[in-house]
Structure formats: structure tokens, C-alpha cells
Amino acid sequence: MPIKKIKRTYRKTRYVLYKETLVDFREHFWAFIGSFVGMGLIAYLQYGSFNENDFIFLIGSFGASCVLVYGVIHSPLAQPRNLIGGHVVSALVGVTAQKLVPDVLWIAAPLAVSLSIVLMQITKTLHPPGGATALIAVTGGPQIKELGYGYVIFPVLSGALILLIVALIFNNLTPKRKYPSSPILRKRKRKKNA
């Protein structure tokens, strides 16, 4: 390995580690506000619509989506197509797996997650929380299972749309934050940082 390549790799690594240790309180503030409002709206709909023991709208994968769409807004996995498409594709796969193999959890759960990953890859909608969305369709309580394919619309699509609308508002309030981020801008940013 040539010495120039080693030096370049060292400089890049040092830059990334340095960049990751910087604390930008504005970024933290907007990530907090966006995720608080997004999850707050979903929780409010839950509170107003259902008994407090039936947490149908509050699926755990939305928490992970908040990390991406409010905390890492330039990630390709956080873009609107991935947020909406990843959740919807995964919900469809999860409900289908639950209906095909309702009584064999050790087959239905891995089938739902694995197929959702492959279909998100094929449709170019990869969104890691989608795997949890598929799993919840299989392992959720009776209220989730009773929804059947309705699970895809409420809570999955409706919740993902709420998170998206809030992200479009709060991630664009300052000039430093731009959401959605285009692939061209991400390439330019990578070249600039290299």
C-alpha cells in the first residue's frame, strides 16, 4: 500500500472522527423539536381514538424512523421515498406473512423481516425501521392482527405521512437543514468533505 494512500486514509479517518465529535446544539434542537412534534401528533391521535391499552398507532418502528428523518436528514435511508415506501412495503409483507403462517411465529417472523428487506431493496425504498414494521404485523397484539391489511393504512401509512409532513416543515426552517436531500447534493457534499 503506497504511503500516499495511507496518509489520505488517515486524514479522512481523522476528519470523520473529528466531525462526529463536534456538538452542534442547533442540530440537536431541531432534531428534538421535529421528533417531539411528529411523535406527539401520532400519540395524540392514539390518545383521542383508542383506549390507552390499545397502542395501535404507536408502533415502535416510528421511533427509529424519527432518528433517521430528524437526526440524520441527509441519509439516503431517511428520504421521503424510503420513509413512506419502506414502511408500506414492509407492512404489506408483514400482514401477508401473518396471514400465510398465522400460528408458526418462528417462520412468520423471519419470513416477514427477510422478505421486507428484499422487497425494499428491489423497490429502492430501503428504510431500516421497515423491518420492525413487518415484525410488528406478525408479533403485534390481537388489535394489530385484527386490522389485517388495514394495518398498512392505519397506523403505518398515516403515521409515516405525519412524520414526513413534520420533517418537511421542521427540517427546512433553517438554511443549514434541507430536506429532502437530493442524491446530487449528497455527492457534492461527499466530494467537498473528501
Protein backbone atom coordinates (compact mmCIF):
# COMPACT_ATOMS: atom_id res chain seq x y z
CA MET A 1 0.00 0.00 0.00
CA PRO A 2 1.62 3.28 -1.07
CA ILE A 3 2.43 5.80 1.64
CA LYS A 4 0.23 8.47 -0.05
CA LYS A 5 -2.82 6.25 0.19
CA ILE A 6 -2.12 5.56 3.87
CA LYS A 7 -1.78 9.28 4.58
CA ARG A 8 -5.00 10.06 2.68
CA THR A 9 -6.89 7.33 4.56
CA TYR A 10 -5.52 8.65 7.85
CA ARG A 11 -6.62 12.22 7.02
CA LYS A 12 -10.11 11.06 6.04
CA THR A 13 -10.48 8.98 9.19
CA ARG A 14 -9.25 11.83 11.38
CA TYR A 15 -11.69 14.23 9.68
CA VAL A 16 -14.65 11.88 10.13
CA LEU A 17 -13.81 11.24 13.78
CA TYR A 18 -13.35 14.97 14.38
CA LYS A 19 -16.58 15.83 12.56
CA GLU A 20 -18.50 13.22 14.57
CA THR A 21 -17.32 14.66 17.89
CA LEU A 22 -18.46 18.22 17.14
CA VAL A 23 -21.58 19.25 19.02
CA ASP A 24 -24.00 21.42 17.08
CA PHE A 25 -26.71 22.42 19.51
CA ARG A 26 -28.90 23.81 16.71
CA GLU A 27 -28.97 20.41 15.02
CA HIS A 28 -29.88 18.77 18.31
CA PHE A 29 -32.57 21.37 18.94
CA TRP A 30 -34.26 20.86 15.55
CA ALA A 31 -33.97 17.07 15.79
CA PHE A 32 -35.63 17.24 19.22
CA ILE A 33 -38.41 19.61 18.10
CA GLY A 34 -39.17 17.66 14.92
CA SER A 35 -39.27 14.25 16.58
CA PHE A 36 -41.25 15.60 19.54
CA VAL A 37 -43.91 17.13 17.29
CA GLY A 38 -44.02 14.13 14.91
CA MET A 39 -44.36 11.50 17.61
CA GLY A 40 -46.58 13.86 19.62
CA LEU A 41 -49.10 14.08 16.78
CA ILE A 42 -49.18 10.31 16.39
CA ALA A 43 -49.56 9.86 20.16
CA TYR A 44 -52.33 12.48 20.24
CA LEU A 45 -54.25 10.62 17.52
CA GLN A 46 -53.76 7.42 19.51
CA TYR A 47 -54.95 9.04 22.73
CA GLY A 48 -58.02 10.56 21.10
CA SER A 49 -59.04 7.50 19.12
CA PHE A 50 -58.34 4.42 21.22
CA ASN A 51 -58.36 3.05 24.73
CA GLU A 52 -54.96 3.72 26.31
CA ASN A 53 -54.20 -0.03 26.44
CA ASP A 54 -54.60 -0.39 22.66
CA PHE A 55 -51.48 1.32 21.33
CA ILE A 56 -52.29 0.74 17.68
CA PHE A 57 -50.94 3.99 16.23
CA LEU A 58 -47.76 3.99 18.29
CA ILE A 59 -45.70 1.29 16.64
CA GLY A 60 -42.08 1.05 17.74
CA SER A 61 -40.63 1.41 14.25
CA PHE A 62 -41.77 5.06 14.18
CA GLY A 63 -39.25 5.82 16.93
CA ALA A 64 -36.46 4.53 14.72
CA SER A 65 -37.84 6.49 11.76
CA CYS A 66 -37.65 9.65 13.86
CA VAL A 67 -33.95 9.05 14.41
CA LEU A 68 -33.44 8.98 10.65
CA VAL A 69 -35.79 11.71 9.39
CA TYR A 70 -34.99 14.24 12.13
CA GLY A 71 -31.49 13.26 13.22
CA VAL A 72 -29.75 12.12 10.01
CA ILE A 73 -31.72 14.03 7.41
CA HIS A 74 -29.18 13.69 4.59
CA SER A 75 -29.03 9.90 4.77
CA PRO A 76 -30.43 8.16 1.69
CA LEU A 77 -32.37 5.92 4.11
CA ALA A 78 -34.17 8.97 5.58
CA GLN A 79 -35.57 10.37 2.34
CA PRO A 80 -39.36 10.54 1.76
CA ARG A 81 -39.44 7.68 -0.75
CA ASN A 82 -37.66 5.44 1.76
CA LEU A 83 -39.73 6.57 4.75
CA ILE A 84 -43.12 6.02 3.11
CA GLY A 85 -42.21 3.20 0.74
CA GLY A 86 -40.16 1.26 3.28
CA HIS A 87 -42.95 1.27 5.85
CA VAL A 88 -45.74 0.47 3.37
CA VAL A 89 -43.84 -2.33 1.61
CA SER A 90 -42.86 -3.84 4.95
CA ALA A 91 -46.38 -3.58 6.37
CA LEU A 92 -47.79 -5.37 3.32
CA VAL A 93 -45.18 -8.12 3.65
CA GLY A 94 -45.74 -8.44 7.41
CA VAL A 95 -49.51 -8.75 7.14
CA THR A 96 -49.16 -11.26 4.30
CA ALA A 97 -46.71 -13.38 6.32
CA GLN A 98 -49.03 -13.24 9.33
CA LYS A 99 -51.96 -14.41 7.20
CA LEU A 100 -49.99 -17.16 5.46
CA VAL A 101 -48.42 -18.60 8.62
CA PRO A 102 -50.56 -17.31 11.50
CA ASP A 103 -49.68 -19.96 14.06
CA VAL A 104 -45.99 -20.57 13.38
CA LEU A 105 -44.21 -17.49 14.71
CA TRP A 106 -40.73 -18.94 14.22
CA ILE A 107 -41.41 -19.00 10.46
CA ALA A 108 -43.68 -15.96 10.09
CA ALA A 109 -41.38 -13.50 11.91
CA PRO A 110 -38.16 -14.18 9.97
CA LEU A 111 -40.14 -14.51 6.73
CA ALA A 112 -41.73 -11.09 7.24
CA VAL A 113 -38.45 -9.35 8.06
CA SER A 114 -36.38 -11.08 5.36
CA LEU A 115 -38.92 -10.56 2.58
CA SER A 116 -39.43 -6.93 3.59
CA ILE A 117 -35.68 -6.31 3.29
CA VAL A 118 -35.55 -7.86 -0.18
CA LEU A 119 -38.64 -6.03 -1.41
CA MET A 120 -37.38 -2.71 -0.05
CA GLN A 121 -34.10 -3.33 -1.88
CA ILE A 122 -35.92 -4.18 -5.12
CA THR A 123 -38.19 -1.12 -4.89
CA LYS A 124 -35.29 1.13 -3.77
CA THR A 125 -37.17 2.08 -0.61
CA LEU A 126 -34.77 0.67 1.99
CA HIS A 127 -35.67 2.10 5.40
CA PRO A 128 -34.30 0.07 8.36
CA PRO A 129 -37.34 0.68 10.61
CA GLY A 130 -39.38 -1.09 7.93
CA GLY A 131 -38.06 -4.42 9.21
CA ALA A 132 -39.63 -3.63 12.58
CA THR A 133 -42.88 -2.62 10.87
CA ALA A 134 -43.05 -6.05 9.23
CA LEU A 135 -42.19 -7.78 12.51
CA ILE A 136 -44.88 -5.86 14.41
CA ALA A 137 -47.50 -7.06 11.90
CA VAL A 138 -46.59 -10.63 12.85
CA THR A 139 -45.90 -10.28 16.58
CA GLY A 140 -48.33 -7.49 17.47
CA GLY A 141 -51.27 -7.99 19.77
CA PRO A 142 -54.76 -9.03 18.73
CA GLN A 143 -55.71 -5.43 17.88
CA ILE A 144 -52.92 -5.23 15.29
CA LYS A 145 -53.73 -8.63 13.82
CA GLU A 146 -57.45 -7.81 13.62
CA LEU A 147 -56.62 -4.84 11.41
CA GLY A 148 -55.36 -7.18 8.67
CA TYR A 149 -54.35 -5.15 5.62
CA GLY A 150 -55.89 -2.11 7.32
CA TYR A 151 -52.62 -2.07 9.31
CA VAL A 152 -50.94 -0.79 6.16
CA ILE A 153 -53.18 2.31 6.11
CA PHE A 154 -53.70 2.88 9.87
CA PRO A 155 -51.24 3.09 11.60
CA VAL A 156 -48.40 2.59 9.11
CA LEU A 157 -49.12 4.89 6.15
CA SER A 158 -50.88 7.53 8.24
CA GLY A 159 -48.06 7.61 10.81
CA ALA A 160 -45.33 7.73 8.16
CA LEU A 161 -47.14 10.60 6.42
CA ILE A 162 -47.35 12.52 9.70
CA LEU A 163 -43.62 12.04 10.28
CA LEU A 164 -42.92 13.17 6.70
CA ILE A 165 -45.06 16.32 6.90
CA VAL A 166 -43.43 17.33 10.18
CA ALA A 167 -39.98 16.59 8.72
CA LEU A 168 -40.72 18.75 5.68
CA ILE A 169 -41.64 21.63 7.98
CA PHE A 170 -39.04 21.41 10.75
CA ASN A 171 -36.10 20.21 8.66
CA ASN A 172 -36.40 23.24 6.38
CA LEU A 173 -36.79 26.02 8.95
CA THR A 174 -33.10 26.93 8.94
CA PRO A 175 -30.73 27.40 6.00
CA LYS A 176 -28.38 24.67 7.31
CA ARG A 177 -31.05 21.96 7.12
CA LYS A 178 -32.50 20.91 3.77
CA TYR A 179 -34.94 18.02 3.49
CA PRO A 180 -35.41 16.08 1.33
CA SER A 181 -31.84 15.84 0.23
CA SER A 182 -31.17 15.03 -3.41
CA PRO A 183 -28.57 12.44 -4.45
CA ILE A 184 -26.72 15.18 -6.37
CA LEU A 185 -26.38 17.32 -3.22
CA ARG A 186 -25.19 14.29 -1.21
CA LYS A 187 -22.49 13.58 -3.87
CA ARG A 188 -21.34 17.20 -3.85
CA LYS A 189 -21.18 17.16 -0.05
CA ARG A 190 -19.11 13.94 -0.09
CA LYS A 191 -16.69 15.39 -2.66
CA LYS A 192 -16.38 18.61 -0.65
CA ASN A 193 -15.62 16.64 2.55
CA ALA A 194 -13.11 14.32 0.87
